[in-house]
Amino acid sequence: MTATRRDPGAWIRRFHPSDAPVRLVCFPHAGGSASYYHRMSRTLSAETDVLAVQYPGRQERRGEPCVVDLAKLADLVLEEIRPWADRPLAFFGHSMGALLSFEVARRLEHERVTLSALFVSGRRAPHLTRHGDLHLRSDDELVAEVRKLNNDGLRLLDEPEVRDLLLPPLRSDYQAVETYRYQLGPALGCPVVVFTGDRDPQVTCDEARAWREHTTGAFELRSFPGGHFYLNTHATAVTEVVATHLRNVRTPPARGR
């Protein structure tokens, strides 16, 4: 299988290029990076061309300023995604990535491109706002709160040099999420599949189910044992659900409704 030759640029990581008939674009969580989806990419590569978005301010982009406005970030990502829309597209986003993938999907539909599916994980429906001010707190307070989410990657915050690299994008991402406000608009036309941990302190079952209000297409809710980062433990099961949905995608991107 010969992969399509295209420069992914700074924004896109394509770990396992594929000529598969559908593309899945993955959006990281707050403080996360594209490499979080390396395992999913490897697992799906035989059937799906997986792209992972790399936000500014982390890893090889650490010299670039972070984007603290989620709507602006969605606009920037949209510009990078457009050239990859020559095949059917699906999105997967966890936590902050769920919100961002939703906003990019809305922008694509405005341009008459409907996703094959939107997979959102670890995030309540966009219209449900909870007050948050973590991005305004001290470094120690921010670290203490995010540790409660039990993300294995946060162990790196114990190392002072690494902590200095991780905290700026983490704080910026929290600012983007905590200042986000849903703007009323048309529901998506694509299927929406929601994944959640049954003990996630940031998402109740009802808040996850409320995503149903944001699509006129099919809706599915999958709950797994665990907290906010249940995905670390149940990556195989979640990936299989994604793969099952995408196996049925063999047609060009839908234009309009």
Protein backbone atom coordinates (compact mmCIF):
# COMPACT_ATOMS: atom_id res chain seq x y z
CA MET A 1 0.00 0.00 0.00
CA THR A 2 1.53 3.32 -1.10
CA ALA A 3 0.83 6.23 1.21
CA THR A 4 -0.27 9.58 -0.16
CA ARG A 5 2.66 11.97 -0.36
CA ARG A 6 1.80 15.21 1.39
CA ASP A 7 3.72 17.45 3.78
CA PRO A 8 1.76 17.33 7.06
CA GLY A 9 3.36 20.57 8.26
CA ALA A 10 3.76 21.56 11.90
CA TRP A 11 0.15 20.88 12.89
CA ILE A 12 -0.29 17.27 11.79
CA ARG A 13 1.46 14.09 12.89
CA ARG A 14 0.97 11.09 10.62
CA PHE A 15 2.68 8.23 12.42
CA HIS A 16 1.55 5.42 10.08
CA PRO A 17 0.66 6.87 6.64
CA SER A 18 -1.95 4.82 4.84
CA ASP A 19 -3.99 4.82 1.64
CA ALA A 20 -6.98 3.55 3.61
CA PRO A 21 -10.37 4.85 2.40
CA VAL A 22 -11.11 6.95 5.50
CA ARG A 23 -9.12 9.38 7.68
CA LEU A 24 -9.41 9.79 11.43
CA VAL A 25 -8.16 13.07 12.88
CA CYS A 26 -7.31 12.89 16.61
CA PHE A 27 -7.37 15.87 18.98
CA PRO A 28 -5.37 15.72 22.26
CA HIS A 29 -6.52 16.66 25.75
CA ALA A 30 -5.39 19.75 27.69
CA GLY A 31 -1.62 19.63 28.11
CA GLY A 32 -1.47 16.68 25.74
CA SER A 33 0.33 16.19 22.44
CA ALA A 34 -0.13 14.29 19.20
CA SER A 35 1.96 11.37 20.46
CA TYR A 36 -0.89 10.41 22.83
CA TYR A 37 -2.53 8.83 19.78
CA HIS A 38 0.47 6.87 18.51
CA ARG A 39 -0.96 3.59 19.81
CA MET A 40 -4.38 4.21 18.26
CA SER A 41 -2.73 5.11 14.97
CA ARG A 42 -0.71 1.89 14.94
CA THR A 43 -3.76 -0.24 15.73
CA LEU A 44 -5.96 1.36 13.07
CA SER A 45 -3.34 1.84 10.34
CA ALA A 46 -4.38 -1.16 8.23
CA GLU A 47 -7.86 0.28 7.74
CA THR A 48 -7.63 4.00 8.55
CA ASP A 49 -5.25 6.86 7.80
CA VAL A 50 -4.80 8.40 11.25
CA LEU A 51 -3.73 12.01 11.72
CA ALA A 52 -3.03 13.57 15.12
CA VAL A 53 -3.16 17.32 15.70
CA GLN A 54 -0.10 18.87 17.33
CA TYR A 55 -1.01 22.10 19.12
CA PRO A 56 1.55 24.91 19.38
CA GLY A 57 3.64 25.16 22.54
CA ARG A 58 4.55 21.50 23.09
CA GLN A 59 7.21 19.00 22.05
CA GLU A 60 8.89 20.20 18.83
CA ARG A 61 6.53 23.22 18.76
CA ARG A 62 7.42 24.35 22.28
CA GLY A 63 9.00 27.55 20.96
CA GLU A 64 5.66 28.71 19.54
CA PRO A 65 3.08 30.60 21.61
CA CYS A 66 0.14 28.56 22.86
CA VAL A 67 -3.36 29.45 21.70
CA VAL A 68 -5.56 30.38 24.67
CA ASP A 69 -8.83 30.87 22.77
CA LEU A 70 -10.55 27.65 21.70
CA ALA A 71 -12.52 29.28 18.88
CA LYS A 72 -9.31 30.72 17.43
CA LEU A 73 -7.62 27.34 17.79
CA ALA A 74 -10.53 25.73 15.91
CA ASP A 75 -10.10 28.23 13.08
CA LEU A 76 -6.38 27.47 12.86
CA VAL A 77 -6.90 23.70 12.90
CA LEU A 78 -9.58 23.98 10.22
CA GLU A 79 -7.04 25.54 7.87
CA GLU A 80 -4.72 22.57 8.40
CA ILE A 81 -7.45 19.93 8.04
CA ARG A 82 -8.93 21.17 4.75
CA PRO A 83 -6.18 19.69 2.52
CA TRP A 84 -6.82 16.25 4.06
CA ALA A 85 -10.53 16.23 3.24
CA ASP A 86 -10.03 14.41 -0.08
CA ARG A 87 -11.13 11.26 1.75
CA PRO A 88 -14.01 10.79 4.19
CA LEU A 89 -13.05 12.30 7.54
CA ALA A 90 -13.87 11.27 11.10
CA PHE A 91 -12.72 13.03 14.28
CA PHE A 92 -11.74 11.68 17.70
CA GLY A 93 -11.17 14.04 20.61
CA HIS A 94 -10.56 13.46 24.31
CA SER A 95 -11.45 16.09 26.95
CA MET A 96 -10.39 19.47 25.53
CA GLY A 97 -9.91 17.63 22.25
CA ALA A 98 -13.60 16.68 22.27
CA LEU A 99 -14.64 20.33 22.42
CA LEU A 100 -12.12 21.33 19.78
CA SER A 101 -13.09 18.51 17.41
CA PHE A 102 -16.73 19.54 17.77
CA GLU A 103 -15.96 23.15 16.89
CA VAL A 104 -13.87 22.14 13.86
CA ALA A 105 -16.67 19.78 12.76
CA ARG A 106 -19.15 22.66 12.95
CA ARG A 107 -16.91 24.80 10.77
CA LEU A 108 -16.53 22.02 8.21
CA GLU A 109 -20.28 21.53 8.03
CA HIS A 110 -20.65 25.26 7.41
CA GLU A 111 -18.45 24.60 4.36
CA ARG A 112 -20.79 21.73 3.41
CA VAL A 113 -18.46 18.90 4.46
CA THR A 114 -20.07 16.46 6.88
CA LEU A 115 -17.91 14.08 8.90
CA SER A 116 -18.36 10.33 8.67
CA ALA A 117 -18.41 10.30 12.48
CA LEU A 118 -17.49 12.39 15.49
CA PHE A 119 -16.07 10.44 18.45
CA VAL A 120 -15.92 12.49 21.66
CA SER A 121 -14.44 11.27 24.92
CA GLY A 122 -14.19 12.51 28.49
CA ARG A 123 -16.17 15.71 27.99
CA ARG A 124 -19.65 16.90 28.81
CA ALA A 125 -21.80 18.33 26.01
CA PRO A 126 -20.57 21.73 24.81
CA HIS A 127 -23.58 23.72 25.97
CA LEU A 128 -23.12 22.56 29.58
CA THR A 129 -20.83 25.05 31.30
CA ARG A 130 -19.11 24.58 34.64
CA HIS A 131 -17.23 27.47 36.20
CA GLY A 132 -13.49 26.90 36.27
CA ASP A 133 -10.51 29.06 37.21
CA LEU A 134 -7.60 26.63 37.30
CA HIS A 135 -5.75 28.64 34.68
CA LEU A 136 -5.65 31.56 37.16
CA ARG A 137 -4.28 29.56 40.09
CA SER A 138 -0.68 29.00 41.19
CA ASP A 139 1.46 26.31 39.61
CA ASP A 140 1.16 24.11 42.70
CA GLU A 141 -2.62 24.45 42.79
CA LEU A 142 -2.93 23.67 39.09
CA VAL A 143 -0.73 20.59 39.39
CA ALA A 144 -2.59 19.38 42.48
CA GLU A 145 -5.94 19.58 40.71
CA VAL A 146 -4.89 17.91 37.48
CA ARG A 147 -3.23 15.09 39.44
CA LYS A 148 -6.71 14.14 40.64
CA LEU A 149 -7.49 13.10 37.08
CA ASN A 150 -5.02 10.20 37.38
CA ASN A 151 -3.25 10.68 34.07
CA ASP A 152 -0.06 8.59 34.05
CA GLY A 153 1.68 11.23 31.95
CA LEU A 154 1.46 13.71 34.83
CA ARG A 155 4.20 11.84 36.68
CA LEU A 156 6.58 13.91 34.58
CA LEU A 157 5.51 16.95 36.59
CA ASP A 158 7.68 15.59 39.42
CA GLU A 159 10.78 16.46 37.38
CA PRO A 160 11.49 20.22 37.67
CA GLU A 161 12.96 20.65 34.19
CA VAL A 162 10.12 18.76 32.54
CA ARG A 163 7.57 20.57 34.69
CA ASP A 164 8.79 23.91 33.35
CA LEU A 165 8.07 22.65 29.82
CA LEU A 166 4.69 21.09 30.55
CA LEU A 167 3.04 23.75 32.70
CA PRO A 168 2.76 26.60 30.14
CA PRO A 169 0.79 24.57 27.55
CA LEU A 170 -1.25 22.94 30.31
CA ARG A 171 -2.23 26.32 31.77
CA SER A 172 -2.96 27.75 28.32
CA ASP A 173 -5.17 24.79 27.41
CA TYR A 174 -7.09 25.14 30.65
CA GLN A 175 -7.61 28.79 29.85
CA ALA A 176 -8.97 27.85 26.42
CA VAL A 177 -11.38 25.32 27.92
CA GLU A 178 -12.48 27.38 30.93
CA THR A 179 -13.20 30.48 28.87
CA TYR A 180 -15.01 28.57 26.10
CA ARG A 181 -18.67 29.43 25.64
CA TYR A 182 -20.89 27.48 23.30
CA GLN A 183 -22.51 29.56 20.56
CA LEU A 184 -25.95 28.43 19.45
CA GLY A 185 -25.98 26.97 15.96
CA PRO A 186 -27.24 24.09 13.80
CA ALA A 187 -26.78 20.55 15.07
CA LEU A 188 -24.23 18.40 13.27
CA GLY A 189 -25.44 16.02 10.61
CA CYS A 190 -22.90 13.28 11.35
CA PRO A 191 -23.20 10.37 13.80
CA VAL A 192 -21.83 11.19 17.26
CA VAL A 193 -20.33 8.50 19.50
CA VAL A 194 -19.60 9.50 23.10
CA PHE A 195 -17.16 7.67 25.38
CA THR A 196 -17.01 8.33 29.11
CA GLY A 197 -15.56 6.93 32.32
CA ASP A 198 -18.19 5.97 34.87
CA ARG A 199 -16.23 7.69 37.66
CA ASP A 200 -15.09 10.77 35.76
CA PRO A 201 -15.40 13.77 38.13
CA GLN A 202 -15.67 16.10 35.15
CA VAL A 203 -18.51 14.35 33.32
CA THR A 204 -21.72 12.83 34.65
CA CYS A 205 -23.66 10.29 32.62
CA ASP A 206 -26.39 12.86 31.95
CA GLU A 207 -23.81 15.42 30.82
CA ALA A 208 -22.33 12.88 28.42
CA ARG A 209 -25.76 11.89 27.10
CA ALA A 210 -26.53 15.56 26.42
CA TRP A 211 -24.28 15.37 23.35
CA ARG A 212 -27.38 13.86 21.73
CA GLU A 213 -28.68 17.40 21.33
CA HIS A 214 -25.82 18.26 18.98
CA THR A 215 -26.53 15.89 16.10
CA THR A 216 -29.39 15.03 13.80
CA GLY A 217 -27.57 11.80 12.98
CA ALA A 218 -27.16 8.58 14.92
CA PHE A 219 -26.06 8.79 18.54
CA GLU A 220 -24.30 6.28 20.77
CA LEU A 221 -23.04 6.49 24.36
CA ARG A 222 -20.40 4.07 25.66
CA SER A 223 -19.39 4.03 29.33
CA PHE A 224 -16.23 2.35 30.65
CA PRO A 225 -14.99 1.72 34.19
CA GLY A 226 -12.66 4.47 35.32
CA GLY A 227 -12.15 8.17 35.74
CA HIS A 228 -11.25 10.99 33.38
CA PHE A 229 -8.40 9.04 31.81
CA TYR A 230 -10.28 5.74 31.57
CA LEU A 231 -8.95 5.77 27.98
CA ASN A 232 -5.45 4.87 29.17
CA THR A 233 -6.81 1.55 30.45
CA HIS A 234 -9.48 0.87 27.84
CA ALA A 235 -7.70 2.05 24.70
CA THR A 236 -8.10 -1.32 22.98
CA ALA A 237 -11.86 -1.49 23.54
CA VAL A 238 -12.40 2.14 22.52
CA THR A 239 -10.28 1.71 19.39
CA GLU A 240 -12.30 -1.35 18.39
CA VAL A 241 -15.55 0.66 18.64
CA VAL A 242 -14.00 3.34 16.44
CA ALA A 243 -12.75 0.75 13.94
CA THR A 244 -16.17 -0.92 13.73
CA HIS A 245 -17.84 2.38 12.87
CA LEU A 246 -15.21 3.35 10.30
CA ARG A 247 -15.29 0.00 8.47
CA ASN A 248 -18.62 1.04 7.01
CA VAL A 249 -17.22 4.25 5.55
CA ARG A 250 -16.39 3.78 1.90
CA THR A 251 -18.01 6.75 0.18
CA PRO A 252 -16.71 10.29 -0.52
CA PRO A 253 -17.34 13.00 2.10
CA ALA A 254 -20.99 14.03 2.20
CA ARG A 255 -21.61 17.53 0.84
CA GLY A 256 -24.47 19.40 2.42
CA ARG A 257 -27.42 17.70 4.05
